[in-house]
C-alpha atoms as a PDB file:
ATOM      1  CA  MET A   1      31.403-120.898  -2.857  1.00  0.00           C
ATOM      2  CA  GLN A   2      28.507-122.716  -4.461  1.00  0.00           C
ATOM      3  CA  LEU A   3      26.331-119.572  -4.222  1.00  0.00           C
ATOM      4  CA  ARG A   4      29.051-117.498  -5.888  1.00  0.00           C
ATOM      5  CA  SER A   5      29.393-120.039  -8.706  1.00  0.00           C
ATOM      6  CA  PHE A   6      25.635-120.099  -9.161  1.00  0.00           C
ATOM      7  CA  ARG A   7      25.534-116.294  -9.398  1.00  0.00           C
ATOM      8  CA  LEU A   8      28.339-116.319 -11.968  1.00  0.00           C
ATOM      9  CA  LEU A   9      26.459-118.916 -13.995  1.00  0.00           C
ATOM     10  CA  ILE A  10      23.280-116.833 -13.913  1.00  0.00           C
ATOM     11  CA  ALA A  11      25.234-113.732 -14.938  1.00  0.00           C
ATOM     12  CA  ALA A  12      26.768-115.622 -17.859  1.00  0.00           C
ATOM     13  CA  LEU A  13      23.378-116.900 -19.015  1.00  0.00           C
ATOM     14  CA  VAL A  14      21.904-113.398 -18.803  1.00  0.00           C
ATOM     15  CA  ALA A  15      24.802-112.039 -20.856  1.00  0.00           C
ATOM     16  CA  ILE A  16      24.343-114.745 -23.505  1.00  0.00           C
ATOM     17  CA  PHE A  17      20.593-114.098 -23.651  1.00  0.00           C
ATOM     18  CA  ALA A  18      21.143-110.355 -23.962  1.00  0.00           C
ATOM     19  CA  LEU A  19      23.684-110.892 -26.732  1.00  0.00           C
ATOM     20  CA  ASN A  20      21.326-113.172 -28.664  1.00  0.00           C
ATOM     21  CA  ALA A  21      18.367-110.875 -28.122  1.00  0.00           C
ATOM     22  CA  GLY A  22      20.423-107.934 -29.294  1.00  0.00           C
ATOM     23  CA  GLY A  23      21.409-109.832 -32.438  1.00  0.00           C
ATOM     24  CA  LEU A  24      17.775-110.579 -33.198  1.00  0.00           C
ATOM     25  CA  ALA A  25      16.770-106.998 -32.596  1.00  0.00           C
ATOM     26  CA  GLN A  26      19.435-105.795 -34.980  1.00  0.00           C
ATOM     27  CA  ALA A  27      18.486-108.174 -37.816  1.00  0.00           C
ATOM     28  CA  ASP A  28      17.424-106.308 -40.932  1.00  0.00           C
ATOM     29  CA  ARG A  29      13.858-107.321 -41.678  1.00  0.00           C
ATOM     30  CA  LEU A  30      12.783-107.165 -45.315  1.00  0.00           C
ATOM     31  CA  THR A  31       9.486-108.069 -46.883  1.00  0.00           C
ATOM     32  CA  VAL A  32       9.992-109.335 -50.434  1.00  0.00           C
ATOM     33  CA  ARG A  33       6.936-109.815 -52.626  1.00  0.00           C
ATOM     34  CA  LEU A  34       7.235-111.865 -55.788  1.00  0.00           C
ATOM     35  CA  ASP A  35       5.321-111.174 -58.955  1.00  0.00           C
ATOM     36  CA  PHE A  36       2.964-114.131 -59.047  1.00  0.00           C
ATOM     37  CA  ILE A  37       1.971-117.509 -57.693  1.00  0.00           C
ATOM     38  CA  PRO A  38       4.957-119.863 -57.242  1.00  0.00           C
ATOM     39  CA  VAL A  39       6.853-120.338 -60.523  1.00  0.00           C
ATOM     40  CA  GLY A  40      10.312-121.568 -61.460  1.00  0.00           C
ATOM     41  CA  PHE A  41      12.072-118.236 -61.272  1.00  0.00           C
ATOM     42  CA  HIS A  42      11.127-117.835 -57.618  1.00  0.00           C
ATOM     43  CA  THR A  43      13.495-120.646 -56.659  1.00  0.00           C
ATOM     44  CA  ALA A  44      16.462-118.428 -55.745  1.00  0.00           C
ATOM     45  CA  MET A  45      14.536-116.608 -53.029  1.00  0.00           C
ATOM     46  CA  HIS A  46      13.358-119.812 -51.400  1.00  0.00           C
ATOM     47  CA  LEU A  47      16.692-121.618 -51.747  1.00  0.00           C
ATOM     48  CA  ALA A  48      18.570-118.730 -50.118  1.00  0.00           C
ATOM     49  CA  LYS A  49      16.157-118.759 -47.202  1.00  0.00           C
ATOM     50  CA  GLU A  50      16.250-122.547 -46.829  1.00  0.00           C
ATOM     51  CA  LYS A  51      20.047-122.590 -46.748  1.00  0.00           C
ATOM     52  CA  GLY A  52      20.241-119.764 -44.216  1.00  0.00           C
ATOM     53  CA  TRP A  53      22.129-117.460 -46.563  1.00  0.00           C
ATOM     54  CA  PHE A  54      19.906-114.484 -45.740  1.00  0.00           C
ATOM     55  CA  ALA A  55      20.351-115.120 -42.007  1.00  0.00           C
ATOM     56  CA  ARG A  56      24.119-115.378 -42.508  1.00  0.00           C
ATOM     57  CA  GLU A  57      24.067-111.763 -43.703  1.00  0.00           C
ATOM     58  CA  GLY A  58      21.897-110.603 -40.818  1.00  0.00           C
ATOM     59  CA  LEU A  59      18.691-110.489 -42.849  1.00  0.00           C
ATOM     60  CA  GLU A  60      15.269-111.693 -41.847  1.00  0.00           C
ATOM     61  CA  VAL A  61      13.374-112.049 -45.129  1.00  0.00           C
ATOM     62  CA  GLU A  62       9.657-112.643 -45.464  1.00  0.00           C
ATOM     63  CA  ILE A  63       8.808-113.983 -48.927  1.00  0.00           C
ATOM     64  CA  GLN A  64       5.305-113.314 -50.227  1.00  0.00           C
ATOM     65  CA  ASP A  65       3.667-114.705 -53.360  1.00  0.00           C
ATOM     66  CA  GLY A  66       2.124-112.115 -55.680  1.00  0.00           C
ATOM     67  CA  THR A  67      -0.866-111.599 -57.928  1.00  0.00           C
ATOM     68  CA  GLY A  68       0.996-109.943 -60.815  1.00  0.00           C
ATOM     69  CA  SER A  69       3.902-107.549 -61.318  1.00  0.00           C
ATOM     70  CA  LEU A  70       1.603-104.532 -61.359  1.00  0.00           C
ATOM     71  CA  ASN A  71       0.094-105.330 -57.961  1.00  0.00           C
ATOM     72  CA  THR A  72       3.520-105.927 -56.424  1.00  0.00           C
ATOM     73  CA  ILE A  73       4.762-102.627 -57.877  1.00  0.00           C
ATOM     74  CA  GLN A  74       1.798-100.800 -56.350  1.00  0.00           C
ATOM     75  CA  LEU A  75       2.494-102.308 -52.925  1.00  0.00           C
ATOM     76  CA  VAL A  76       6.196-101.429 -53.104  1.00  0.00           C
ATOM     77  CA  GLY A  77       5.448 -97.930 -54.367  1.00  0.00           C
ATOM     78  CA  SER A  78       3.003 -97.286 -51.519  1.00  0.00           C
ATOM     79  CA  GLY A  79       5.513 -98.443 -48.905  1.00  0.00           C
ATOM     80  CA  GLN A  80       3.567-101.545 -47.841  1.00  0.00           C
ATOM     81  CA  ILE A  81       6.321-103.857 -49.105  1.00  0.00           C
ATOM     82  CA  ASP A  82      10.095-103.271 -48.977  1.00  0.00           C
ATOM     83  CA  VAL A  83      11.195-105.074 -52.133  1.00  0.00           C
ATOM     84  CA  GLY A  84       9.499-106.498 -55.202  1.00  0.00           C
ATOM     85  CA  GLN A  85      10.733-109.084 -57.672  1.00  0.00           C
ATOM     86  CA  VAL A  86       8.913-108.127 -60.856  1.00  0.00           C
ATOM     87  CA  GLN A  87       9.167-107.616 -64.593  1.00  0.00           C
ATOM     88  CA  LEU A  88      11.299-104.499 -64.893  1.00  0.00           C
ATOM     89  CA  GLY A  89       9.602-103.333 -68.077  1.00  0.00           C
ATOM     90  CA  VAL A  90       6.356-103.009 -66.123  1.00  0.00           C
ATOM     91  CA  MET A  91       8.271-101.108 -63.425  1.00  0.00           C
ATOM     92  CA  ALA A  92       9.461 -98.590 -66.015  1.00  0.00           C
ATOM     93  CA  ILE A  93       5.879 -97.916 -67.088  1.00  0.00           C
ATOM     94  CA  ALA A  94       4.802 -97.425 -63.473  1.00  0.00           C
ATOM     95  CA  ARG A  95       7.715 -95.076 -62.769  1.00  0.00           C
ATOM     96  CA  GLU A  96       6.811 -92.869 -65.720  1.00  0.00           C
ATOM     97  CA  LYS A  97       3.336 -92.604 -64.225  1.00  0.00           C
ATOM     98  CA  GLY A  98       4.747 -91.255 -60.966  1.00  0.00           C
ATOM     99  CA  VAL A  99       5.551 -94.314 -58.817  1.00  0.00           C
ATOM    100  CA  PRO A 100       8.980 -93.509 -57.257  1.00  0.00           C
ATOM    101  CA  ILE A 101      10.612 -96.905 -57.787  1.00  0.00           C
ATOM    102  CA  LYS A 102      13.883 -98.101 -59.251  1.00  0.00           C
ATOM    103  CA  SER A 103      15.552-101.419 -60.069  1.00  0.00           C
ATOM    104  CA  PHE A 104      18.667-102.349 -58.097  1.00  0.00           C
ATOM    105  CA  ALA A 105      19.376-105.781 -59.660  1.00  0.00           C
ATOM    106  CA  GLY A 106      18.417-107.373 -62.974  1.00  0.00           C
ATOM    107  CA  PHE A 107      18.449-111.161 -63.347  1.00  0.00           C
ATOM    108  CA  VAL A 108      16.634-111.929 -66.636  1.00  0.00           C
ATOM    109  CA  ARG A 109      17.881-109.185 -68.895  1.00  0.00           C
ATOM    110  CA  LYS A 110      16.324-110.235 -72.198  1.00  0.00           C
ATOM    111  CA  SER A 111      12.572-110.086 -72.828  1.00  0.00           C
ATOM    112  CA  ASP A 112      10.728-113.276 -71.891  1.00  0.00           C
ATOM    113  CA  LEU A 113       7.487-112.368 -73.668  1.00  0.00           C
ATOM    114  CA  GLY A 114       6.432-114.771 -76.386  1.00  0.00           C
ATOM    115  CA  VAL A 115       3.521-116.057 -78.427  1.00  0.00           C
ATOM    116  CA  ILE A 116       3.099-119.724 -77.527  1.00  0.00           C
ATOM    117  CA  VAL A 117       1.967-121.787 -80.518  1.00  0.00           C
ATOM    118  CA  PRO A 118       1.606-125.533 -81.210  1.00  0.00           C
ATOM    119  CA  ARG A 119       4.863-127.163 -82.216  1.00  0.00           C
ATOM    120  CA  ASP A 120       3.197-128.993 -85.116  1.00  0.00           C
ATOM    121  CA  SER A 121       1.442-125.873 -86.446  1.00  0.00           C
ATOM    122  CA  GLY A 122       4.275-124.687 -88.650  1.00  0.00           C
ATOM    123  CA  MET A 123       4.044-121.220 -87.098  1.00  0.00           C
ATOM    124  CA  LYS A 124       7.563-119.854 -86.638  1.00  0.00           C
ATOM    125  CA  THR A 125       7.366-116.162 -87.513  1.00  0.00           C
ATOM    126  CA  VAL A 126       5.081-113.187 -86.963  1.00  0.00           C
ATOM    127  CA  GLU A 127       3.860-113.548 -90.553  1.00  0.00           C
ATOM    128  CA  ASP A 128       2.622-117.057 -89.738  1.00  0.00           C
ATOM    129  CA  LEU A 129       0.123-115.613 -87.246  1.00  0.00           C
ATOM    130  CA  LYS A 130      -2.062-114.185 -90.010  1.00  0.00           C
ATOM    131  CA  GLY A 131      -5.665-115.275 -89.589  1.00  0.00           C
ATOM    132  CA  LYS A 132      -4.984-116.970 -86.245  1.00  0.00           C
ATOM    133  CA  ARG A 133      -6.822-116.518 -82.947  1.00  0.00           C
ATOM    134  CA  LEU A 134      -4.542-115.390 -80.121  1.00  0.00           C
ATOM    135  CA  LEU A 135      -5.341-114.937 -76.447  1.00  0.00           C
ATOM    136  CA  CYS A 136      -4.077-112.157 -74.188  1.00  0.00           C
ATOM    137  CA  PHE A 137      -5.409-110.211 -71.185  1.00  0.00           C
ATOM    138  CA  THR A 138      -5.863-106.496 -70.667  1.00  0.00           C
ATOM    139  CA  ALA A 139      -3.237-105.956 -67.934  1.00  0.00           C
ATOM    140  CA  SER A 140      -0.665-108.218 -69.587  1.00  0.00           C
ATOM    141  CA  PRO A 141       2.849-106.803 -70.127  1.00  0.00           C
ATOM    142  CA  TRP A 142       2.234-107.914 -73.727  1.00  0.00           C
ATOM    143  CA  ALA A 143      -0.638-105.459 -74.248  1.00  0.00           C
ATOM    144  CA  PRO A 144       1.376-102.313 -75.174  1.00  0.00           C
ATOM    145  CA  PHE A 145       3.512-104.222 -77.693  1.00  0.00           C
ATOM    146  CA  ILE A 146       0.872-106.063 -79.710  1.00  0.00           C
ATOM    147  CA  ASP A 147       0.658-103.561 -82.565  1.00  0.00           C
ATOM    148  CA  ASN A 148       4.432-103.087 -82.875  1.00  0.00           C
ATOM    149  CA  PHE A 149       4.994-106.843 -82.801  1.00  0.00           C
ATOM    150  CA  LEU A 150       2.386-107.554 -85.485  1.00  0.00           C
ATOM    151  CA  ALA A 151       3.836-104.799 -87.651  1.00  0.00           C
ATOM    152  CA  LYS A 152       7.182-106.666 -87.699  1.00  0.00           C
ATOM    153  CA  GLY A 153       5.406-109.227 -89.887  1.00  0.00           C
ATOM    154  CA  GLY A 154       3.341-106.798 -91.897  1.00  0.00           C
ATOM    155  CA  LEU A 155       0.227-107.591 -89.860  1.00  0.00           C
ATOM    156  CA  ASP A 156      -2.266-105.571 -87.842  1.00  0.00           C
ATOM    157  CA  ARG A 157      -5.292-106.292 -85.663  1.00  0.00           C
ATOM    158  CA  ASN A 158      -7.465-106.757 -88.736  1.00  0.00           C
ATOM    159  CA  SER A 159      -5.340-109.673 -89.901  1.00  0.00           C
ATOM    160  CA  VAL A 160      -5.152-111.441 -86.525  1.00  0.00           C
ATOM    161  CA  GLU A 161      -7.965-112.171 -84.075  1.00  0.00           C
ATOM    162  CA  ILE A 162      -6.882-111.183 -80.575  1.00  0.00           C
ATOM    163  CA  SER A 163      -9.231-112.038 -77.715  1.00  0.00           C
ATOM    164  CA  MET A 164      -8.753-110.507 -74.275  1.00  0.00           C
ATOM    165  CA  VAL A 165      -9.685-113.135 -71.692  1.00  0.00           C
ATOM    166  CA  PRO A 166      -9.136-113.602 -67.933  1.00  0.00           C
ATOM    167  CA  PRO A 167      -5.510-114.722 -67.387  1.00  0.00           C
ATOM    168  CA  ALA A 168      -6.584-117.794 -65.426  1.00  0.00           C
ATOM    169  CA  THR A 169      -8.420-119.199 -68.450  1.00  0.00           C
ATOM    170  CA  MET A 170      -5.807-118.658 -71.158  1.00  0.00           C
ATOM    171  CA  ALA A 171      -3.885-121.908 -70.786  1.00  0.00           C
ATOM    172  CA  ALA A 172      -7.031-124.031 -70.474  1.00  0.00           C
ATOM    173  CA  VAL A 173      -8.610-122.548 -73.599  1.00  0.00           C
ATOM    174  CA  TYR A 174      -5.392-122.984 -75.549  1.00  0.00           C
ATOM    175  CA  MET A 175      -4.849-126.570 -74.393  1.00  0.00           C
ATOM    176  CA  SER A 176      -8.406-127.448 -75.428  1.00  0.00           C
ATOM    177  CA  LYS A 177      -7.577-126.034 -78.897  1.00  0.00           C
ATOM    178  CA  GLY A 178      -9.914-123.086 -78.470  1.00  0.00           C
ATOM    179  CA  ALA A 179      -7.152-120.769 -79.682  1.00  0.00           C
ATOM    180  CA  ASP A 180      -4.117-120.925 -81.944  1.00  0.00           C
ATOM    181  CA  GLY A 181      -1.756-119.191 -79.527  1.00  0.00           C
ATOM    182  CA  ILE A 182      -1.369-117.257 -76.301  1.00  0.00           C
ATOM    183  CA  MET A 183       0.599-114.059 -75.746  1.00  0.00           C
ATOM    184  CA  THR A 184       2.244-114.545 -72.382  1.00  0.00           C
ATOM    185  CA  VAL A 185       5.478-114.781 -70.403  1.00  0.00           C
ATOM    186  CA  GLU A 186       7.127-117.728 -72.139  1.00  0.00           C
ATOM    187  CA  PRO A 187       8.960-119.315 -69.150  1.00  0.00           C
ATOM    188  CA  PHE A 188       5.721-119.280 -67.162  1.00  0.00           C
ATOM    189  CA  GLY A 189       3.293-120.513 -69.797  1.00  0.00           C
ATOM    190  CA  LEU A 190       5.221-122.916 -72.008  1.00  0.00           C
ATOM    191  CA  PRO A 191       5.904-125.645 -69.397  1.00  0.00           C
ATOM    192  CA  ILE A 192       2.256-125.526 -68.268  1.00  0.00           C
ATOM    193  CA  VAL A 193       0.845-126.338 -71.708  1.00  0.00           C
ATOM    194  CA  GLU A 194       3.673-128.586 -72.920  1.00  0.00           C
ATOM    195  CA  LYS A 195       2.340-131.922 -71.653  1.00  0.00           C
ATOM    196  CA  THR A 196      -1.140-131.416 -73.074  1.00  0.00           C
ATOM    197  CA  ARG A 197      -0.308-129.491 -76.239  1.00  0.00           C
ATOM    198  CA  PRO A 198       3.411-129.563 -77.155  1.00  0.00           C
ATOM    199  CA  SER A 199       4.360-126.015 -78.053  1.00  0.00           C
ATOM    200  CA  THR A 200       7.073-123.564 -79.001  1.00  0.00           C
ATOM    201  CA  SER A 201       7.309-119.786 -78.848  1.00  0.00           C
ATOM    202  CA  ILE A 202       7.705-116.811 -81.168  1.00  0.00           C
ATOM    203  CA  ARG A 203       9.673-114.406 -78.984  1.00  0.00           C
ATOM    204  CA  LEU A 204       9.321-110.664 -78.794  1.00  0.00           C
ATOM    205  CA  ALA A 205      13.082-110.312 -78.267  1.00  0.00           C
ATOM    206  CA  ASP A 206      13.805-112.021 -81.588  1.00  0.00           C
ATOM    207  CA  TYR A 207      12.169-109.071 -83.354  1.00  0.00           C
ATOM    208  CA  GLY A 208      14.303-106.410 -81.725  1.00  0.00           C
ATOM    209  CA  ILE A 209      11.722-105.255 -79.175  1.00  0.00           C
ATOM    210  CA  ASN A 210      13.395-104.730 -75.803  1.00  0.00           C
ATOM    211  CA  PHE A 211      11.537-105.317 -72.544  1.00  0.00           C
ATOM    212  CA  PRO A 212      13.650-106.302 -69.503  1.00  0.00           C
ATOM    213  CA  SER A 213      12.305-109.084 -67.336  1.00  0.00           C
ATOM    214  CA  TYR A 214      12.904-110.144 -63.734  1.00  0.00           C
ATOM    215  CA  GLY A 215      14.753-107.982 -61.250  1.00  0.00           C
ATOM    216  CA  LEU A 216      14.523-106.427 -57.792  1.00  0.00           C
ATOM    217  CA  ILE A 217      12.884-103.050 -57.156  1.00  0.00           C
ATOM    218  CA  ALA A 218      12.413-100.691 -54.232  1.00  0.00           C
ATOM    219  CA  THR A 219      11.363 -97.097 -53.756  1.00  0.00           C
ATOM    220  CA  GLU A 220      14.032 -94.427 -53.964  1.00  0.00           C
ATOM    221  CA  THR A 221      13.438 -93.721 -50.266  1.00  0.00           C
ATOM    222  CA  THR A 222      14.077 -97.356 -49.326  1.00  0.00           C
ATOM    223  CA  ILE A 223      17.187 -97.468 -51.524  1.00  0.00           C
ATOM    224  CA  ALA A 224      18.516 -94.369 -49.744  1.00  0.00           C
ATOM    225  CA  ASN A 225      17.536 -95.301 -46.200  1.00  0.00           C
ATOM    226  CA  ARG A 226      18.077 -99.075 -46.221  1.00  0.00           C
ATOM    227  CA  ARG A 227      21.015 -99.275 -48.549  1.00  0.00           C
ATOM    228  CA  ASP A 228      22.973-101.845 -46.519  1.00  0.00           C
ATOM    229  CA  ALA A 229      20.032-104.247 -46.202  1.00  0.00           C
ATOM    230  CA  LEU A 230      19.220-104.074 -49.923  1.00  0.00           C
ATOM    231  CA  ALA A 231      22.888-104.554 -50.819  1.00  0.00           C
ATOM    232  CA  LYS A 232      22.966-107.698 -48.669  1.00  0.00           C
ATOM    233  CA  LEU A 233      19.789-108.978 -50.311  1.00  0.00           C
ATOM    234  CA  ALA A 234      21.239-108.398 -53.786  1.00  0.00           C
ATOM    235  CA  LYS A 235      24.532-110.058 -52.789  1.00  0.00           C
ATOM    236  CA  VAL A 236      22.774-113.177 -51.522  1.00  0.00           C
ATOM    237  CA  GLN A 237      20.537-113.442 -54.571  1.00  0.00           C
ATOM    238  CA  ILE A 238      23.468-113.075 -56.953  1.00  0.00           C
ATOM    239  CA  GLU A 239      25.379-115.783 -55.096  1.00  0.00           C
ATOM    240  CA  THR A 240      22.292-117.996 -55.086  1.00  0.00           C
ATOM    241  CA  TRP A 241      21.749-117.646 -58.828  1.00  0.00           C
ATOM    242  CA  GLU A 242      25.418-118.428 -59.473  1.00  0.00           C
ATOM    243  CA  TYR A 243      25.015-121.525 -57.301  1.00  0.00           C
ATOM    244  CA  ILE A 244      21.826-122.610 -59.095  1.00  0.00           C
ATOM    245  CA  TRP A 245      23.256-122.212 -62.599  1.00  0.00           C
ATOM    246  CA  SER A 246      26.398-124.139 -61.632  1.00  0.00           C
ATOM    247  CA  GLY A 247      24.427-127.392 -61.605  1.00  0.00           C
ATOM    248  CA  HIS A 248      22.090-127.065 -58.623  1.00  0.00           C
ATOM    249  CA  GLU A 249      18.844-126.487 -60.504  1.00  0.00           C
ATOM    250  CA  ASP A 250      17.145-129.525 -58.966  1.00  0.00           C
ATOM    251  CA  GLU A 251      18.023-128.392 -55.456  1.00  0.00           C
ATOM    252  CA  ALA A 252      16.484-124.988 -56.216  1.00  0.00           C
ATOM    253  CA  VAL A 253      13.286-126.578 -57.510  1.00  0.00           C
ATOM    254  CA  ASP A 254      13.049-128.734 -54.375  1.00  0.00           C
ATOM    255  CA  ALA A 255      13.443-125.648 -52.161  1.00  0.00           C
ATOM    256  CA  LEU A 256      10.487-123.928 -53.829  1.00  0.00           C
ATOM    257  CA  ILE A 257       8.293-127.033 -53.657  1.00  0.00           C
ATOM    258  CA  SER A 258       9.187-127.506 -49.977  1.00  0.00           C
ATOM    259  CA  ALA A 259       8.499-123.860 -49.134  1.00  0.00           C
ATOM    260  CA  ARG A 260       5.086-124.025 -50.827  1.00  0.00           C
ATOM    261  CA  SER A 261       4.128-127.567 -49.833  1.00  0.00           C
ATOM    262  CA  ASN A 262       0.510-126.428 -49.371  1.00  0.00           C
ATOM    263  CA  ILE A 263       0.284-126.011 -53.156  1.00  0.00           C
ATOM    264  CA  LYS A 264       0.350-129.005 -55.478  1.00  0.00           C
ATOM    265  CA  LEU A 265       3.198-127.882 -57.694  1.00  0.00           C
ATOM    266  CA  ASP A 266       4.189-130.038 -60.666  1.00  0.00           C
ATOM    267  CA  ARG A 267       7.936-130.577 -60.357  1.00  0.00           C
ATOM    268  CA  ASP A 268       8.443-130.913 -64.105  1.00  0.00           C
ATOM    269  CA  VAL A 269       6.594-127.659 -64.721  1.00  0.00           C
ATOM    270  CA  VAL A 270       8.586-125.789 -62.068  1.00  0.00           C
ATOM    271  CA  LYS A 271      11.903-127.028 -63.435  1.00  0.00           C
ATOM    272  CA  GLY A 272      10.813-126.218 -66.973  1.00  0.00           C
ATOM    273  CA  GLN A 273       9.888-122.689 -65.905  1.00  0.00           C
ATOM    274  CA  LEU A 274      13.320-122.284 -64.339  1.00  0.00           C
ATOM    275  CA  MET A 275      15.363-123.674 -67.216  1.00  0.00           C
ATOM    276  CA  ILE A 276      13.671-121.672 -70.003  1.00  0.00           C
ATOM    277  CA  ASN A 277      15.097-118.527 -68.398  1.00  0.00           C
ATOM    278  CA  LYS A 278      18.717-119.589 -68.878  1.00  0.00           C
ATOM    279  CA  PRO A 279      19.127-118.305 -72.464  1.00  0.00           C
ATOM    280  CA  LEU A 280      17.377-115.082 -71.424  1.00  0.00           C
ATOM    281  CA  LEU A 281      19.874-114.125 -68.723  1.00  0.00           C
ATOM    282  CA  ASP A 282      22.113-112.051 -70.983  1.00  0.00           C
ATOM    283  CA  THR A 283      21.855-109.515 -73.760  1.00  0.00           C
ATOM    284  CA  ASP A 284      24.703-108.489 -76.055  1.00  0.00           C
ATOM    285  CA  ASN A 285      25.379-105.620 -73.639  1.00  0.00           C
ATOM    286  CA  THR A 286      25.605-107.742 -70.463  1.00  0.00           C
ATOM    287  CA  LYS A 287      27.787-110.620 -71.677  1.00  0.00           C
ATOM    288  CA  GLY A 288      30.753-111.024 -69.368  1.00  0.00           C
ATOM    289  CA  LYS A 289      29.098-108.979 -66.643  1.00  0.00           C
ATOM    290  CA  PRO A 290      27.977-110.545 -63.354  1.00  0.00           C
ATOM    291  CA  ILE A 291      24.381-111.581 -62.919  1.00  0.00           C
ATOM    292  CA  GLY A 292      22.386-108.704 -61.474  1.00  0.00           C
ATOM    293  CA  TRP A 293      24.323-106.029 -63.391  1.00  0.00           C
ATOM    294  CA  GLN A 294      22.204-103.834 -65.653  1.00  0.00           C
ATOM    295  CA  SER A 295      23.280-102.154 -68.876  1.00  0.00           C
ATOM    296  CA  GLU A 296      22.622 -98.483 -69.545  1.00  0.00           C
ATOM    297  CA  LYS A 297      22.435 -99.283 -73.259  1.00  0.00           C
ATOM    298  CA  ASP A 298      19.808-101.986 -72.644  1.00  0.00           C
ATOM    299  CA  TRP A 299      17.717 -99.563 -70.633  1.00  0.00           C
ATOM    300  CA  GLU A 300      18.042 -96.926 -73.342  1.00  0.00           C
ATOM    301  CA  LEU A 301      16.754 -99.410 -75.928  1.00  0.00           C
ATOM    302  CA  ALA A 302      13.983-100.646 -73.628  1.00  0.00           C
ATOM    303  CA  LEU A 303      12.730 -97.148 -72.884  1.00  0.00           C
ATOM    304  CA  ARG A 304      12.816 -96.316 -76.581  1.00  0.00           C
ATOM    305  CA  ASP A 305      10.676 -99.364 -77.415  1.00  0.00           C
ATOM    306  CA  ILE A 306       8.274 -98.857 -74.507  1.00  0.00           C
ATOM    307  CA  LYS A 307       7.792 -95.275 -75.644  1.00  0.00           C
ATOM    308  CA  ALA A 308       7.283 -96.392 -79.266  1.00  0.00           C
ATOM    309  CA  ALA A 309       4.583 -98.768 -78.022  1.00  0.00           C
ATOM    310  CA  GLY A 310       2.776 -95.847 -76.367  1.00  0.00           C
ATOM    311  CA  ALA A 311       3.164 -97.224 -72.844  1.00  0.00           C
ATOM    312  CA  ILE A 312       5.128 -94.148 -71.739  1.00  0.00           C
ATOM    313  CA  SER A 313       5.028 -90.669 -73.187  1.00  0.00           C
ATOM    314  CA  SER A 314       8.537 -89.579 -72.261  1.00  0.00           C
ATOM    315  CA  TYR A 315      11.553 -90.445 -70.175  1.00  0.00           C
ATOM    316  CA  THR A 316      14.617 -88.598 -68.961  1.00  0.00           C
ATOM    317  CA  LYS A 317      17.636 -90.902 -68.789  1.00  0.00           C
ATOM    318  CA  PRO A 318      18.195 -94.629 -68.152  1.00  0.00           C
ATOM    319  CA  GLN A 319      19.879 -93.970 -64.790  1.00  0.00           C
ATOM    320  CA  ASP A 320      16.534 -92.818 -63.422  1.00  0.00           C
ATOM    321  CA  TYR A 321      15.225 -96.371 -63.782  1.00  0.00           C
ATOM    322  CA  PHE A 322      18.061 -98.489 -62.407  1.00  0.00           C
ATOM    323  CA  THR A 323      21.203 -98.511 -60.295  1.00  0.00           C
ATOM    324  CA  ASN A 324      24.159-100.894 -60.050  1.00  0.00           C
ATOM    325  CA  ASP A 325      25.441 -99.166 -56.913  1.00  0.00           C
ATOM    326  CA  LEU A 326      24.059-101.799 -54.525  1.00  0.00           C
ATOM    327  CA  LEU A 327      25.777-104.731 -56.258  1.00  0.00           C
ATOM    328  CA  PRO A 328      28.947-106.311 -54.867  1.00  0.00           C
ATOM    329  CA  LYS A 329      32.075-104.516 -56.018  1.00  0.00           C
END
């Protein structure tokens, strides 16, 4: 009797092990590469992982830090990474050059590019930049738009000194008053310089130049072949952002700091980087739509402006650059 009971117990344990092993084998594994070193807008990825929300959907997500949107786009386009979280305007430029990628969720739908200037400088408009020294870098998403932006204030490169410097040195030079402003991603740069040199921003979006910011991208092949996994990823991220913006910003910041405890992140900077994005979440064409949803009209305007800046030579239709089909219905 005891031997029979023992055999039944062993059989039950084997069945449980097989069931668990089968569940692990069936988990959808996704590698998600972010655009840059840890910054405030990365919080939703890390919070979702910390809370087990990816695992709840049967996803096993590896989150990688990046070295710039362009590098992440190249890795996604070459099939080395499944998903990228990048600036979607940069993605559009890469797609026009032959990289077969598309956006399947858009989170920051208004341009976050800005010229950071000292708060006490009196500079509030493009016209105020006349005669000033501004810093940028060659591969910056700002680079294609400099001339169009200056023209909004009747300026050109002869009336403004623009120095291309390594991106790692821009903030330090600006904070030491070696420049009058920096052309950068506002939510990233502004909180970094704020404590040393209190600053504000002259935003690209305020001058009618459209350049969509953060969203999720994948190759067309991945979107076709791993549709269910990407839809689950988008669902979790949408739910996470809704949770964060409902009063859980501090919890999101803590999740990022905990996940990257090997890096000495300044909590105030991380939270500042997160919060500056809030007014950039919507455009006139996305108001009332769920986070993640992308507007055909916004993409039409963005492609028009990117083409006017000379960053692309042509485009077919907005639907070639994005899809809402993987979002929750």
